[in-house]
Amino acid sequence: MATQATMEGSVKLLIAYASTEGQTRKIARFCADRLADAGHFVELMRVEDAEGLALSRFDAAILAGSVHIGKYQEALVDFARASAKELAAMPTLFLSVSLAAAGTDAEDWKGLEDCVAAFRAATGWAPGRVAHVAGAFRFTQYDFFRAWAMRWIAAQKGQEVHHHEDREYTDWPVLARLVDEWAGQAVEAG
């Protein structure tokens, strides 16, 4: 563990993320800022930039990715698979970002759990903790067909959305409490 570089009550954290439309990146940045403000040493990086990264430098790690059509980004799957042994040796938190996490539909939540199970099977990594975080509609970034499909999905869930505006569902106070609690547990584990 990297405890020689950390002060008492803090840990050295890696936050690695994959983002398709930017909300997962925003969530990862929020976590990094919050943890750094709490006195932890934080390195934030896209998983695509993690080649050759020595995970032994870190005391704990957060991985974040978003669900699209029932799957996480391939780069996130590849990173977790390649790093599974090192990740298993430290406290970890997996932030699974999706629009389904904004709702209460039991079938959607079952689907999210199935996505995490498939991720575990594909990577060989079992996160210490999994949290589902609500994402966002990013209509300003969608092409015509994607925007149409996303409006149809929103309508099926009783949501009225407009093609010219983004809508964020992330509950920032809940995420802040989750990250604070997890970081406290990581400090205790160190």
C-alpha atoms as a PDB file:
ATOM      1  CA  MET A   1       0.000   0.000   0.000  1.00  0.00           C
ATOM      2  CA  ALA A   2       1.003   3.580  -0.591  1.00  0.00           C
ATOM      3  CA  THR A   3       0.689   4.681   3.026  1.00  0.00           C
ATOM      4  CA  GLN A   4       4.230   6.068   3.196  1.00  0.00           C
ATOM      5  CA  ALA A   5       3.043   9.034   1.103  1.00  0.00           C
ATOM      6  CA  THR A   6      -0.141   9.742   3.024  1.00  0.00           C
ATOM      7  CA  MET A   7      -0.856  11.658   6.200  1.00  0.00           C
ATOM      8  CA  GLU A   8      -2.731  10.084   9.085  1.00  0.00           C
ATOM      9  CA  GLY A   9      -6.441  10.091   8.337  1.00  0.00           C
ATOM     10  CA  SER A  10      -6.003  10.286   4.582  1.00  0.00           C
ATOM     11  CA  VAL A  11      -5.499   7.843   1.755  1.00  0.00           C
ATOM     12  CA  LYS A  12      -4.042   7.972  -1.722  1.00  0.00           C
ATOM     13  CA  LEU A  13      -6.921   7.376  -4.112  1.00  0.00           C
ATOM     14  CA  LEU A  14      -7.231   6.577  -7.770  1.00  0.00           C
ATOM     15  CA  ILE A  15     -10.425   7.626  -9.504  1.00  0.00           C
ATOM     16  CA  ALA A  16     -10.536   6.029 -12.943  1.00  0.00           C
ATOM     17  CA  TYR A  17     -13.528   6.578 -15.182  1.00  0.00           C
ATOM     18  CA  ALA A  18     -14.986   6.005 -18.631  1.00  0.00           C
ATOM     19  CA  SER A  19     -17.522   8.514 -19.916  1.00  0.00           C
ATOM     20  CA  THR A  20     -19.536   8.528 -23.107  1.00  0.00           C
ATOM     21  CA  GLU A  21     -21.390  11.844 -22.934  1.00  0.00           C
ATOM     22  CA  GLY A  22     -19.657  13.562 -20.020  1.00  0.00           C
ATOM     23  CA  GLN A  23     -21.870  12.930 -16.975  1.00  0.00           C
ATOM     24  CA  THR A  24     -19.640  10.168 -15.600  1.00  0.00           C
ATOM     25  CA  ARG A  25     -16.636  12.467 -16.037  1.00  0.00           C
ATOM     26  CA  LYS A  26     -18.543  15.169 -14.120  1.00  0.00           C
ATOM     27  CA  ILE A  27     -19.361  12.665 -11.356  1.00  0.00           C
ATOM     28  CA  ALA A  28     -15.732  11.496 -11.169  1.00  0.00           C
ATOM     29  CA  ARG A  29     -14.504  15.115 -10.986  1.00  0.00           C
ATOM     30  CA  PHE A  30     -17.020  15.843  -8.201  1.00  0.00           C
ATOM     31  CA  CYS A  31     -15.707  12.850  -6.224  1.00  0.00           C
ATOM     32  CA  ALA A  32     -12.086  13.854  -6.815  1.00  0.00           C
ATOM     33  CA  ASP A  33     -12.675  17.436  -5.697  1.00  0.00           C
ATOM     34  CA  ARG A  34     -14.626  16.364  -2.623  1.00  0.00           C
ATOM     35  CA  LEU A  35     -12.002  13.825  -1.542  1.00  0.00           C
ATOM     36  CA  ALA A  36      -9.097  16.213  -2.178  1.00  0.00           C
ATOM     37  CA  ASP A  37     -10.897  18.892  -0.145  1.00  0.00           C
ATOM     38  CA  ALA A  38     -11.146  16.336   2.684  1.00  0.00           C
ATOM     39  CA  GLY A  39      -7.343  15.960   2.682  1.00  0.00           C
ATOM     40  CA  HIS A  40      -6.952  12.833   0.584  1.00  0.00           C
ATOM     41  CA  PHE A  41      -4.431  12.503  -2.216  1.00  0.00           C
ATOM     42  CA  VAL A  42      -6.398  11.935  -5.421  1.00  0.00           C
ATOM     43  CA  GLU A  43      -5.399  11.064  -8.962  1.00  0.00           C
ATOM     44  CA  LEU A  44      -8.220  11.363 -11.498  1.00  0.00           C
ATOM     45  CA  MET A  45      -7.832   9.751 -14.906  1.00  0.00           C
ATOM     46  CA  ARG A  46      -9.694   8.336 -17.840  1.00  0.00           C
ATOM     47  CA  VAL A  47      -9.233   4.569 -18.025  1.00  0.00           C
ATOM     48  CA  GLU A  48      -8.020   5.030 -21.594  1.00  0.00           C
ATOM     49  CA  ASP A  49      -4.997   6.870 -20.156  1.00  0.00           C
ATOM     50  CA  ALA A  50      -4.150   4.273 -17.492  1.00  0.00           C
ATOM     51  CA  GLU A  51      -1.810   2.065 -19.489  1.00  0.00           C
ATOM     52  CA  GLY A  52       1.227   1.207 -17.367  1.00  0.00           C
ATOM     53  CA  LEU A  53      -0.315   2.682 -14.215  1.00  0.00           C
ATOM     54  CA  ALA A  54       1.108   1.113 -11.049  1.00  0.00           C
ATOM     55  CA  LEU A  55      -1.918   0.533  -8.832  1.00  0.00           C
ATOM     56  CA  SER A  56       0.428  -0.298  -5.957  1.00  0.00           C
ATOM     57  CA  ARG A  57       0.841   3.498  -5.573  1.00  0.00           C
ATOM     58  CA  PHE A  58      -2.713   3.755  -4.258  1.00  0.00           C
ATOM     59  CA  ASP A  59      -4.469   2.793  -1.042  1.00  0.00           C
ATOM     60  CA  ALA A  60      -7.947   2.655  -2.575  1.00  0.00           C
ATOM     61  CA  ALA A  61      -9.729   3.153  -5.886  1.00  0.00           C
ATOM     62  CA  ILE A  62     -12.991   4.351  -7.344  1.00  0.00           C
ATOM     63  CA  LEU A  63     -13.965   3.167 -10.808  1.00  0.00           C
ATOM     64  CA  ALA A  64     -16.843   4.841 -12.605  1.00  0.00           C
ATOM     65  CA  GLY A  65     -18.574   3.982 -15.844  1.00  0.00           C
ATOM     66  CA  SER A  66     -21.943   4.387 -17.468  1.00  0.00           C
ATOM     67  CA  VAL A  67     -24.434   1.864 -18.733  1.00  0.00           C
ATOM     68  CA  HIS A  68     -25.398   2.140 -22.390  1.00  0.00           C
ATOM     69  CA  ILE A  69     -27.588  -0.530 -23.962  1.00  0.00           C
ATOM     70  CA  GLY A  70     -26.916  -2.820 -21.005  1.00  0.00           C
ATOM     71  CA  LYS A  71     -23.120  -2.567 -21.055  1.00  0.00           C
ATOM     72  CA  TYR A  72     -20.298  -0.468 -19.674  1.00  0.00           C
ATOM     73  CA  GLN A  73     -17.618   1.122 -21.841  1.00  0.00           C
ATOM     74  CA  GLU A  74     -15.187  -1.441 -23.274  1.00  0.00           C
ATOM     75  CA  ALA A  75     -12.205   0.569 -22.015  1.00  0.00           C
ATOM     76  CA  LEU A  76     -13.551   0.289 -18.450  1.00  0.00           C
ATOM     77  CA  VAL A  77     -14.074  -3.463 -18.832  1.00  0.00           C
ATOM     78  CA  ASP A  78     -10.521  -3.850 -20.180  1.00  0.00           C
ATOM     79  CA  PHE A  79      -9.019  -1.782 -17.347  1.00  0.00           C
ATOM     80  CA  ALA A  80     -10.903  -3.665 -14.629  1.00  0.00           C
ATOM     81  CA  ARG A  81      -9.973  -7.030 -16.173  1.00  0.00           C
ATOM     82  CA  ALA A  82      -6.274  -6.099 -16.422  1.00  0.00           C
ATOM     83  CA  SER A  83      -6.265  -4.658 -12.885  1.00  0.00           C
ATOM     84  CA  ALA A  84      -8.580  -7.120 -11.119  1.00  0.00           C
ATOM     85  CA  LYS A  85      -5.915  -8.623  -8.854  1.00  0.00           C
ATOM     86  CA  GLU A  86      -4.576  -5.247  -7.699  1.00  0.00           C
ATOM     87  CA  LEU A  87      -8.069  -3.811  -7.236  1.00  0.00           C
ATOM     88  CA  ALA A  88      -9.066  -6.825  -5.122  1.00  0.00           C
ATOM     89  CA  ALA A  89      -6.233  -5.997  -2.711  1.00  0.00           C
ATOM     90  CA  MET A  90      -7.606  -2.552  -1.792  1.00  0.00           C
ATOM     91  CA  PRO A  91     -10.875  -0.871  -0.819  1.00  0.00           C
ATOM     92  CA  THR A  92     -12.844  -0.136  -3.989  1.00  0.00           C
ATOM     93  CA  LEU A  93     -16.020   1.626  -5.000  1.00  0.00           C
ATOM     94  CA  PHE A  94     -17.695   1.115  -8.369  1.00  0.00           C
ATOM     95  CA  LEU A  95     -19.965   3.956  -9.496  1.00  0.00           C
ATOM     96  CA  SER A  96     -22.411   2.662 -12.074  1.00  0.00           C
ATOM     97  CA  VAL A  97     -24.000   5.644 -13.821  1.00  0.00           C
ATOM     98  CA  SER A  98     -27.312   5.280 -15.647  1.00  0.00           C
ATOM     99  CA  LEU A  99     -30.629   6.942 -16.277  1.00  0.00           C
ATOM    100  CA  ALA A 100     -32.367   3.883 -14.829  1.00  0.00           C
ATOM    101  CA  ALA A 101     -30.864   4.747 -11.427  1.00  0.00           C
ATOM    102  CA  ALA A 102     -33.019   7.876 -11.411  1.00  0.00           C
ATOM    103  CA  GLY A 103     -36.185   5.829 -11.264  1.00  0.00           C
ATOM    104  CA  THR A 104     -37.886   3.345  -8.995  1.00  0.00           C
ATOM    105  CA  ASP A 105     -38.951   0.725 -11.540  1.00  0.00           C
ATOM    106  CA  ALA A 106     -38.102  -2.705 -10.090  1.00  0.00           C
ATOM    107  CA  GLU A 107     -37.431  -4.158 -13.543  1.00  0.00           C
ATOM    108  CA  ASP A 108     -34.965  -1.362 -14.342  1.00  0.00           C
ATOM    109  CA  TRP A 109     -33.145  -1.941 -11.039  1.00  0.00           C
ATOM    110  CA  LYS A 110     -32.989  -5.676 -11.744  1.00  0.00           C
ATOM    111  CA  GLY A 111     -31.465  -4.779 -15.112  1.00  0.00           C
ATOM    112  CA  LEU A 112     -28.838  -2.617 -13.389  1.00  0.00           C
ATOM    113  CA  GLU A 113     -27.911  -5.478 -11.066  1.00  0.00           C
ATOM    114  CA  ASP A 114     -27.649  -7.762 -14.103  1.00  0.00           C
ATOM    115  CA  CYS A 115     -25.295  -5.233 -15.760  1.00  0.00           C
ATOM    116  CA  VAL A 116     -23.045  -5.240 -12.691  1.00  0.00           C
ATOM    117  CA  ALA A 117     -23.095  -9.053 -12.567  1.00  0.00           C
ATOM    118  CA  ALA A 118     -22.091  -9.224 -16.236  1.00  0.00           C
ATOM    119  CA  PHE A 119     -19.324  -6.686 -15.561  1.00  0.00           C
ATOM    120  CA  ARG A 120     -18.014  -8.818 -12.688  1.00  0.00           C
ATOM    121  CA  ALA A 121     -18.087 -11.922 -14.857  1.00  0.00           C
ATOM    122  CA  ALA A 122     -16.317 -10.173 -17.755  1.00  0.00           C
ATOM    123  CA  THR A 123     -13.588  -8.632 -15.594  1.00  0.00           C
ATOM    124  CA  GLY A 124     -13.041 -11.070 -12.744  1.00  0.00           C
ATOM    125  CA  TRP A 125     -13.214  -8.113 -10.362  1.00  0.00           C
ATOM    126  CA  ALA A 126     -15.739  -7.907  -7.535  1.00  0.00           C
ATOM    127  CA  PRO A 127     -15.922  -4.284  -6.333  1.00  0.00           C
ATOM    128  CA  GLY A 128     -15.877  -3.794  -2.580  1.00  0.00           C
ATOM    129  CA  ARG A 129     -18.952  -1.600  -2.940  1.00  0.00           C
ATOM    130  CA  VAL A 130     -21.242  -0.771  -5.846  1.00  0.00           C
ATOM    131  CA  ALA A 131     -23.346   2.384  -6.025  1.00  0.00           C
ATOM    132  CA  HIS A 132     -25.836   3.215  -8.752  1.00  0.00           C
ATOM    133  CA  VAL A 133     -25.769   6.908  -9.609  1.00  0.00           C
ATOM    134  CA  ALA A 134     -28.383   8.642 -11.740  1.00  0.00           C
ATOM    135  CA  GLY A 135     -27.013  10.127 -14.941  1.00  0.00           C
ATOM    136  CA  ALA A 136     -28.299  12.733 -17.361  1.00  0.00           C
ATOM    137  CA  PHE A 137     -29.952  13.263 -20.713  1.00  0.00           C
ATOM    138  CA  ARG A 138     -27.441  15.094 -22.924  1.00  0.00           C
ATOM    139  CA  PHE A 139     -29.624  16.160 -25.829  1.00  0.00           C
ATOM    140  CA  THR A 140     -27.130  18.842 -26.849  1.00  0.00           C
ATOM    141  CA  GLN A 141     -24.683  16.012 -27.649  1.00  0.00           C
ATOM    142  CA  TYR A 142     -27.030  13.545 -29.362  1.00  0.00           C
ATOM    143  CA  ASP A 143     -27.432  13.156 -33.100  1.00  0.00           C
ATOM    144  CA  PHE A 144     -30.975  13.143 -34.516  1.00  0.00           C
ATOM    145  CA  PHE A 145     -31.546   9.398 -34.148  1.00  0.00           C
ATOM    146  CA  ARG A 146     -30.137   9.146 -30.640  1.00  0.00           C
ATOM    147  CA  ALA A 147     -32.175  12.164 -29.531  1.00  0.00           C
ATOM    148  CA  TRP A 148     -35.320  10.569 -30.949  1.00  0.00           C
ATOM    149  CA  ALA A 149     -34.574   7.266 -29.175  1.00  0.00           C
ATOM    150  CA  MET A 150     -33.833   9.006 -25.870  1.00  0.00           C
ATOM    151  CA  ARG A 151     -37.068  11.039 -26.077  1.00  0.00           C
ATOM    152  CA  TRP A 152     -38.963   7.788 -26.699  1.00  0.00           C
ATOM    153  CA  ILE A 153     -37.289   6.143 -23.665  1.00  0.00           C
ATOM    154  CA  ALA A 154     -38.085   9.185 -21.508  1.00  0.00           C
ATOM    155  CA  ALA A 155     -41.721   9.125 -22.650  1.00  0.00           C
ATOM    156  CA  GLN A 156     -41.986   5.446 -21.678  1.00  0.00           C
ATOM    157  CA  LYS A 157     -40.970   6.474 -18.137  1.00  0.00           C
ATOM    158  CA  GLY A 158     -43.366   9.416 -17.991  1.00  0.00           C
ATOM    159  CA  GLN A 159     -40.619  12.029 -18.397  1.00  0.00           C
ATOM    160  CA  GLU A 160     -41.147  15.040 -20.610  1.00  0.00           C
ATOM    161  CA  VAL A 161     -37.872  16.132 -22.149  1.00  0.00           C
ATOM    162  CA  HIS A 162     -37.012  18.635 -24.837  1.00  0.00           C
ATOM    163  CA  HIS A 163     -34.504  18.063 -27.591  1.00  0.00           C
ATOM    164  CA  HIS A 164     -32.756  21.403 -27.020  1.00  0.00           C
ATOM    165  CA  GLU A 165     -32.034  21.021 -23.289  1.00  0.00           C
ATOM    166  CA  ASP A 166     -30.031  18.672 -21.129  1.00  0.00           C
ATOM    167  CA  ARG A 167     -31.519  17.229 -17.960  1.00  0.00           C
ATOM    168  CA  GLU A 168     -29.403  16.063 -15.043  1.00  0.00           C
ATOM    169  CA  TYR A 169     -30.684  13.515 -12.526  1.00  0.00           C
ATOM    170  CA  THR A 170     -27.551  13.032 -10.398  1.00  0.00           C
ATOM    171  CA  ASP A 171     -28.332  13.563  -6.708  1.00  0.00           C
ATOM    172  CA  TRP A 172     -25.178  15.407  -5.649  1.00  0.00           C
ATOM    173  CA  PRO A 173     -25.861  15.484  -1.862  1.00  0.00           C
ATOM    174  CA  VAL A 174     -26.478  11.708  -1.829  1.00  0.00           C
ATOM    175  CA  LEU A 175     -23.300  11.130  -3.845  1.00  0.00           C
ATOM    176  CA  ALA A 176     -21.336  13.360  -1.443  1.00  0.00           C
ATOM    177  CA  ARG A 177     -22.508  11.349   1.584  1.00  0.00           C
ATOM    178  CA  LEU A 178     -21.720   8.066  -0.173  1.00  0.00           C
ATOM    179  CA  VAL A 179     -18.189   9.136  -1.103  1.00  0.00           C
ATOM    180  CA  ASP A 180     -17.497  10.549   2.372  1.00  0.00           C
ATOM    181  CA  GLU A 181     -18.684   7.332   4.027  1.00  0.00           C
ATOM    182  CA  TRP A 182     -16.689   5.121   1.658  1.00  0.00           C
ATOM    183  CA  ALA A 183     -13.527   7.210   2.123  1.00  0.00           C
ATOM    184  CA  GLY A 184     -13.884   6.917   5.907  1.00  0.00           C
ATOM    185  CA  GLN A 185     -14.052   3.156   5.566  1.00  0.00           C
ATOM    186  CA  ALA A 186     -11.011   3.187   3.289  1.00  0.00           C
ATOM    187  CA  VAL A 187      -9.045   5.139   5.908  1.00  0.00           C
ATOM    188  CA  GLU A 188     -10.037   2.611   8.572  1.00  0.00           C
ATOM    189  CA  ALA A 189      -8.989  -0.272   6.302  1.00  0.00           C
ATOM    190  CA  GLY A 190      -5.570   1.324   5.720  1.00  0.00           C
END
